[in-house]
Protein backbone atom coordinates (compact mmCIF):
# COMPACT_ATOMS: atom_id res chain seq x y z
CA MET A 1 28.96 -1.83 8.18
CA LYS A 2 28.32 -0.91 4.58
CA LYS A 3 24.90 -1.60 3.13
CA GLU A 4 24.44 -2.43 -0.51
CA ASN A 5 22.88 0.09 -2.84
CA ARG A 6 19.35 -0.76 -3.87
CA GLY A 7 19.14 1.85 -6.59
CA LEU A 8 17.07 4.42 -4.76
CA GLY A 9 15.83 7.47 -6.57
CA LYS A 10 18.44 10.21 -6.56
CA GLY A 11 16.32 12.78 -4.78
CA LEU A 12 15.11 10.52 -1.99
CA SER A 13 18.49 8.92 -1.34
CA ALA A 14 20.08 12.36 -1.15
CA LEU A 15 17.48 13.52 1.34
CA LEU A 16 17.19 10.44 3.54
CA GLY A 17 19.92 7.98 2.70
CA GLU A 18 18.99 4.36 2.03
CA VAL A 19 15.41 3.38 2.87
CA PRO A 20 15.40 -0.21 4.21
CA ASP A 21 13.04 -2.80 2.81
CA ALA A 22 9.71 -2.93 4.67
CA ASN A 23 8.49 -6.13 3.03
CA GLN A 24 8.91 -8.09 6.25
CA LEU A 25 6.00 -6.08 7.70
CA ARG A 26 3.68 -6.91 4.82
CA GLN A 27 1.16 -9.74 4.65
CA PRO A 28 -0.71 -10.78 1.49
CA VAL A 29 -4.22 -9.47 0.93
CA GLY A 30 -6.23 -12.67 0.94
CA TYR A 31 -9.77 -11.36 1.48
CA VAL A 32 -9.96 -13.93 4.27
CA ASN A 33 -13.08 -12.28 5.64
CA LYS A 34 -14.95 -12.72 2.37
CA GLU A 35 -17.29 -15.64 1.82
CA ILE A 36 -16.45 -18.26 -0.79
CA VAL A 37 -19.13 -18.68 -3.45
CA GLY A 38 -20.99 -21.96 -3.06
CA ILE A 39 -20.48 -22.47 0.67
CA ARG A 40 -24.13 -21.84 1.31
CA ASP A 41 -27.16 -20.43 -0.46
CA ARG A 42 -27.22 -16.67 -0.41
CA GLN A 43 -28.54 -13.70 -2.35
CA GLU A 44 -25.55 -12.40 -4.31
CA ASN A 45 -24.63 -8.84 -3.40
CA THR A 46 -23.21 -7.41 -6.61
CA ALA A 47 -21.47 -4.60 -4.71
CA ASP A 48 -19.60 -6.85 -2.31
CA ILE A 49 -16.46 -8.89 -2.92
CA LEU A 50 -16.75 -12.69 -2.86
CA ARG A 51 -14.09 -15.35 -3.35
CA ILE A 52 -14.81 -17.62 -6.31
CA PRO A 53 -12.98 -20.92 -6.95
CA VAL A 54 -10.86 -20.58 -10.08
CA ASP A 55 -12.44 -23.67 -11.68
CA MET A 56 -15.83 -21.92 -11.61
CA ILE A 57 -14.57 -18.97 -13.70
CA GLU A 58 -14.25 -18.87 -17.48
CA PRO A 59 -12.79 -16.18 -19.78
CA ASN A 60 -14.98 -13.78 -21.69
CA PRO A 61 -15.42 -15.09 -25.26
CA PHE A 62 -15.78 -11.51 -26.46
CA GLN A 63 -12.46 -10.41 -24.92
CA PRO A 64 -10.94 -8.14 -27.59
CA ARG A 65 -7.44 -8.72 -26.28
CA MET A 66 -6.21 -11.98 -27.83
CA SER A 67 -2.67 -12.15 -26.44
CA PHE A 68 -1.05 -11.33 -23.12
CA ASP A 69 2.63 -10.61 -22.57
CA GLN A 70 3.96 -13.65 -20.71
CA VAL A 71 6.79 -11.79 -18.98
CA ALA A 72 4.36 -9.16 -17.70
CA LEU A 73 2.00 -11.93 -16.51
CA GLU A 74 4.84 -13.60 -14.61
CA GLU A 75 5.74 -10.29 -12.98
CA LEU A 76 2.13 -9.70 -11.95
CA ALA A 77 1.91 -13.29 -10.64
CA ALA A 78 5.01 -12.70 -8.52
CA SER A 79 3.41 -9.55 -7.08
CA ILE A 80 0.20 -11.46 -6.34
CA ARG A 81 2.15 -14.20 -4.52
CA THR A 82 3.66 -11.53 -2.28
CA LEU A 83 0.83 -9.05 -1.81
CA GLY A 84 -2.31 -10.88 -2.92
CA LEU A 85 -4.69 -9.61 -5.60
CA ILE A 86 -5.28 -5.96 -4.70
CA GLN A 87 -8.05 -5.20 -7.22
CA PRO A 88 -10.78 -7.88 -7.60
CA ILE A 89 -11.98 -8.98 -11.04
CA THR A 90 -15.60 -8.50 -12.16
CA VAL A 91 -17.70 -11.47 -13.30
CA ARG A 92 -21.28 -12.31 -14.18
CA LYS A 93 -23.11 -15.47 -13.21
CA ILE A 94 -24.04 -17.55 -16.25
CA SER A 95 -25.26 -20.73 -14.50
CA ASP A 96 -25.58 -22.20 -11.03
CA ARG A 97 -21.84 -22.77 -10.60
CA ARG A 98 -20.28 -20.90 -13.53
CA TYR A 99 -19.06 -17.31 -13.77
CA GLN A 100 -17.77 -15.40 -16.78
CA ILE A 101 -15.20 -12.63 -16.63
CA ILE A 102 -16.44 -9.15 -17.49
CA SER A 103 -13.17 -7.37 -16.66
CA GLY A 104 -9.87 -8.45 -15.19
CA GLU A 105 -8.81 -11.36 -17.41
CA ARG A 106 -5.13 -10.43 -17.07
CA ARG A 107 -5.47 -10.45 -13.26
CA TYR A 108 -7.30 -13.78 -13.51
CA LYS A 109 -4.53 -15.37 -15.61
CA ALA A 110 -1.81 -14.03 -13.31
CA SER A 111 -3.70 -15.27 -10.24
CA ARG A 112 -3.80 -18.78 -11.72
CA LEU A 113 -0.08 -18.57 -12.43
CA ALA A 114 0.42 -17.52 -8.80
CA GLY A 115 -1.37 -20.69 -7.65
CA MET A 116 -4.45 -19.04 -6.17
CA THR A 117 -7.38 -21.44 -5.67
CA THR A 118 -9.97 -18.70 -5.16
CA ILE A 119 -10.09 -15.23 -6.67
CA PRO A 120 -11.78 -12.14 -5.15
CA ALA A 121 -14.46 -10.88 -7.53
CA TYR A 122 -17.47 -8.64 -7.89
CA ILE A 123 -20.53 -10.50 -9.18
CA ARG A 124 -22.47 -8.31 -11.55
CA ASP A 125 -25.91 -8.73 -13.05
CA ALA A 126 -24.97 -7.21 -16.38
CA ASN A 127 -28.63 -6.69 -17.34
CA ASP A 128 -29.68 -4.64 -14.35
CA GLN A 129 -27.80 -1.36 -14.34
CA GLY A 130 -30.08 0.38 -11.85
CA MET A 131 -29.79 -2.35 -9.24
CA LEU A 132 -26.03 -2.40 -9.67
CA GLU A 133 -25.79 1.32 -9.04
CA MET A 134 -27.99 1.13 -5.93
CA ALA A 135 -26.00 -1.80 -4.56
CA ILE A 136 -22.66 -0.06 -5.03
CA VAL A 137 -23.89 3.22 -3.58
CA GLU A 138 -25.24 1.34 -0.56
CA ASN A 139 -21.89 -0.42 -0.22
CA VAL A 140 -20.03 2.91 -0.29
CA GLN A 141 -22.00 4.11 2.73
CA ARG A 142 -20.51 1.34 4.88
CA GLU A 143 -18.05 2.54 7.51
CA ASP A 144 -15.76 -0.51 7.34
CA LEU A 145 -14.52 0.02 3.79
CA ASP A 146 -10.79 0.62 3.52
CA PRO A 147 -9.67 3.51 1.25
CA ILE A 148 -8.81 1.18 -1.66
CA GLU A 149 -12.19 -0.57 -1.50
CA LEU A 150 -13.83 2.86 -1.49
CA ALA A 151 -11.76 4.00 -4.48
CA LEU A 152 -12.64 0.82 -6.39
CA SER A 153 -16.34 1.37 -5.67
CA TYR A 154 -16.14 4.95 -6.92
CA ARG A 155 -14.41 3.83 -10.10
CA ARG A 156 -17.02 1.12 -10.70
CA LEU A 157 -19.81 3.68 -10.43
CA ILE A 158 -18.07 5.89 -12.99
CA GLU A 159 -17.11 3.14 -15.45
CA GLU A 160 -20.01 0.70 -15.15
CA CYS A 161 -22.86 3.08 -14.36
CA GLN A 162 -21.70 5.89 -16.66
CA LEU A 163 -21.59 8.50 -13.90
CA THR A 164 -19.51 11.66 -13.91
CA GLN A 165 -17.51 12.61 -10.84
CA ASP A 166 -20.01 15.38 -10.15
CA SER A 167 -23.03 13.08 -10.27
CA LEU A 168 -21.16 10.45 -8.25
CA ALA A 169 -20.34 13.03 -5.57
CA ASP A 170 -24.05 13.94 -5.36
CA ARG A 171 -25.08 10.28 -4.99
CA VAL A 172 -22.62 9.47 -2.21
CA GLY A 173 -22.90 12.81 -0.42
CA LYS A 174 -19.24 13.81 -0.84
CA LYS A 175 -17.45 16.77 -2.35
CA ARG A 176 -16.20 16.26 -5.89
CA ALA A 177 -12.60 16.90 -4.77
CA THR A 178 -12.94 14.18 -2.13
CA VAL A 179 -14.15 11.69 -4.74
CA ALA A 180 -11.36 12.65 -7.16
CA ASN A 181 -8.66 12.35 -4.49
CA THR A 182 -9.95 8.95 -3.42
CA ILE A 183 -9.92 7.60 -6.99
CA ARG A 184 -6.35 8.88 -7.41
CA LEU A 185 -5.23 6.28 -4.86
CA LEU A 186 -5.64 3.66 -7.60
CA LYS A 187 -2.77 5.32 -9.50
CA LEU A 188 -0.34 4.22 -6.78
CA PRO A 189 1.84 1.10 -7.22
CA ALA A 190 0.35 -2.21 -6.09
CA LYS A 191 2.68 -2.38 -3.09
CA VAL A 192 1.51 1.01 -1.82
CA GLN A 193 -2.15 0.10 -2.40
CA HIS A 194 -1.57 -3.10 -0.44
CA ASP A 195 -0.16 -1.17 2.52
CA ILE A 196 -3.17 1.16 2.53
CA LYS A 197 -5.51 -1.81 2.40
CA VAL A 198 -3.98 -3.63 5.36
CA GLY A 199 -3.60 -0.50 7.47
CA LEU A 200 0.18 0.02 7.29
CA LEU A 201 -0.41 3.34 5.52
CA SER A 202 -3.21 5.86 5.96
CA ALA A 203 -5.08 7.59 3.15
CA GLY A 204 -3.46 10.84 4.29
CA HIS A 205 -0.01 9.33 3.84
CA ALA A 206 -1.03 8.00 0.44
CA LYS A 207 -2.23 11.40 -0.76
CA ALA A 208 1.08 12.93 0.31
CA ILE A 209 2.98 10.21 -1.59
CA LEU A 210 1.00 11.12 -4.72
CA GLY A 211 2.93 14.40 -4.60
CA VAL A 212 5.84 12.63 -6.30
CA GLU A 213 5.46 11.13 -9.76
CA SER A 214 8.00 8.31 -9.78
CA PRO A 215 6.42 4.94 -8.82
CA GLU A 216 9.80 3.80 -7.51
CA MET A 217 10.08 6.83 -5.25
CA GLN A 218 6.46 6.38 -4.13
CA GLU A 219 7.31 2.86 -2.97
CA GLN A 220 10.43 4.11 -1.18
CA LEU A 221 8.48 6.82 0.64
CA CYS A 222 5.93 4.18 1.63
CA ASP A 223 8.73 2.02 3.10
CA LEU A 224 10.08 5.05 4.95
CA VAL A 225 6.70 5.75 6.60
CA ILE A 226 6.44 2.13 7.74
CA ARG A 227 10.02 2.03 8.99
CA ASP A 228 10.04 5.33 10.90
CA GLY A 229 6.36 5.71 11.79
CA LEU A 230 6.24 9.14 10.15
CA SER A 231 3.17 11.30 10.63
CA VAL A 232 1.36 12.70 7.59
CA ARG A 233 2.81 16.14 8.36
CA GLU A 234 6.37 14.78 8.49
CA LEU A 235 5.85 12.96 5.21
CA GLU A 236 4.39 16.07 3.56
CA SER A 237 7.48 18.01 4.66
CA ILE A 238 9.75 15.42 2.99
CA VAL A 239 7.69 15.49 -0.21
CA ARG A 240 7.86 19.30 -0.32
CA LYS A 241 11.65 19.19 0.02
CA LEU A 242 11.87 16.64 -2.77
CA GLN A 243 9.71 18.83 -4.99
CA VAL A 244 11.73 21.99 -4.29
CA ASP A 245 15.25 20.56 -4.25
CA PRO A 246 15.43 16.89 -5.29
CA ASP A 247 19.24 17.01 -5.52
CA ALA A 248 19.83 18.31 -2.01
CA THR A 249 22.79 16.71 -0.22
CA LYS A 250 22.60 14.62 2.94
CA SER A 251 24.68 17.09 4.91
CA LYS A 252 22.27 19.90 4.19
CA MET A 253 19.01 18.10 4.69
CA ARG A 254 19.45 15.10 6.96
CA PRO A 255 19.94 15.63 10.72
CA VAL A 256 22.21 13.37 12.73
CA ALA A 257 19.30 12.39 14.95
CA LYS A 258 15.63 13.28 15.36
CA THR A 259 15.08 15.79 18.13
CA ALA A 260 12.01 17.22 19.79
CA ASP A 261 11.99 20.90 18.91
CA GLN A 262 15.26 21.64 20.71
CA GLU A 263 18.98 20.84 20.66
CA LEU A 264 19.98 17.76 22.64
CA PRO A 265 22.49 18.03 25.51
CA GLN A 266 26.01 16.90 24.57
CA ASP A 267 25.72 13.68 26.60
CA TYR A 268 22.88 12.55 24.38
CA TYR A 269 25.03 12.85 21.29
CA ARG A 270 27.68 10.73 23.03
CA ILE A 271 25.06 8.02 23.54
CA LEU A 272 24.12 8.15 19.86
CA GLU A 273 27.78 7.97 18.88
CA TYR A 274 28.64 5.01 21.13
CA VAL A 275 25.55 2.94 20.45
CA GLY A 276 25.63 3.77 16.75
CA LYS A 277 28.93 1.90 16.36
CA PHE A 278 27.07 -1.40 16.70
CA PHE A 279 24.15 -0.81 14.33
CA SER A 280 24.09 -0.08 10.60
CA ARG A 281 20.76 1.75 10.70
CA ASP A 282 20.03 5.17 12.18
CA ILE A 283 19.28 5.63 15.86
CA SER A 284 16.76 8.31 16.79
CA LEU A 285 16.44 10.07 20.13
CA LYS A 286 13.65 12.42 21.11
CA ARG A 287 13.65 14.50 24.30
CA SER A 288 11.00 16.85 25.66
CA GLY A 289 11.67 20.02 27.63
CA ASN A 290 11.19 18.28 30.98
CA GLY A 291 13.85 15.66 30.22
CA LYS A 292 11.55 12.80 29.24
CA GLY A 293 12.04 11.08 25.94
CA VAL A 294 12.53 7.94 23.88
CA MET A 295 15.42 6.37 21.99
CA THR A 296 14.73 4.06 19.02
CA ILE A 297 17.33 1.56 17.82
CA ARG A 298 16.76 -0.10 14.44
CA PHE A 299 18.81 -3.14 13.49
CA ASP A 300 19.34 -5.29 10.41
CA SER A 301 20.18 -8.62 12.04
CA ASP A 302 20.40 -10.62 15.25
CA ASP A 303 24.19 -10.43 14.94
CA GLU A 304 24.12 -6.68 15.47
CA VAL A 305 22.11 -7.11 18.67
CA LYS A 306 24.45 -9.88 19.90
CA GLU A 307 27.50 -7.68 19.34
CA PHE A 308 25.84 -4.87 21.26
CA VAL A 309 24.89 -7.14 24.17
CA LYS A 310 28.40 -8.60 24.23
CA ALA A 311 29.87 -5.10 24.47
CA LEU A 312 27.54 -4.30 27.36
CA GLU A 313 28.48 -7.49 29.22
CA GLU A 314 32.18 -6.85 28.70
CA LYS A 315 31.70 -3.21 29.74
CA GLN A 316 33.12 -1.91 26.50
CA LEU A 317 30.63 0.96 26.29
């Protein structure tokens, strides 16, 4: 069965073949665990993320950017419909039930186009820089922050509190390199950031993916990790090969099947050959030295499974 070309990057497709779409494993980031402003009286935590109804938010009258590219807004809105709003906007409270955008007006407009009724936002007291810094630093110390939330907090401290990476590292008790590497996660495409946020991808995987520059290839590597359950070390090995020889051919660099540190007995290859006739995706088989192992079959449709079951029932294998 021939699969259609999705325009993969030359280096990655040469190394690994086609990387199937992993979108079916993704769920939108909805900040469902965040409180909606106005549900009950509370002391606003300017370092936390709250969900604010869109009709309580107004644009910044001092926004220097007067026009927004409509096509780009539509593209961002489409991404938000699929993945949710990855990076919250920042607002300030101007009255009991009114908030004004400090940063993120493009994200706000795209979120409205996407049909969102509430928008995740930081609430900032723009006149109290010291309290803001303390609140964010306290927030960073929490253990339940995902890597993207942590990166956003670091960036806020640098941009809004005028801190250098060195002074930020001192305040949060981290090495400067750790802070810099965390902030670099925000350079990744929205889809990759989403997968980090919801736990489909670890920060270690993300840092390995940053080893390639192409956003398209970064997304494809992300899909590959989700599809095959690659470890960070396996992913790093792939990235190194792409960096050294991006035009390597399949025959040189892609094994017929994944093995566990040793050559498989001939009977195992016969299994891969027979079963592989019914499925368009790769089949992997791992075997340890004592004969134990696991075989993974990936399929593209129910029809493939039905054909395989039919062959079993009719004893055609």
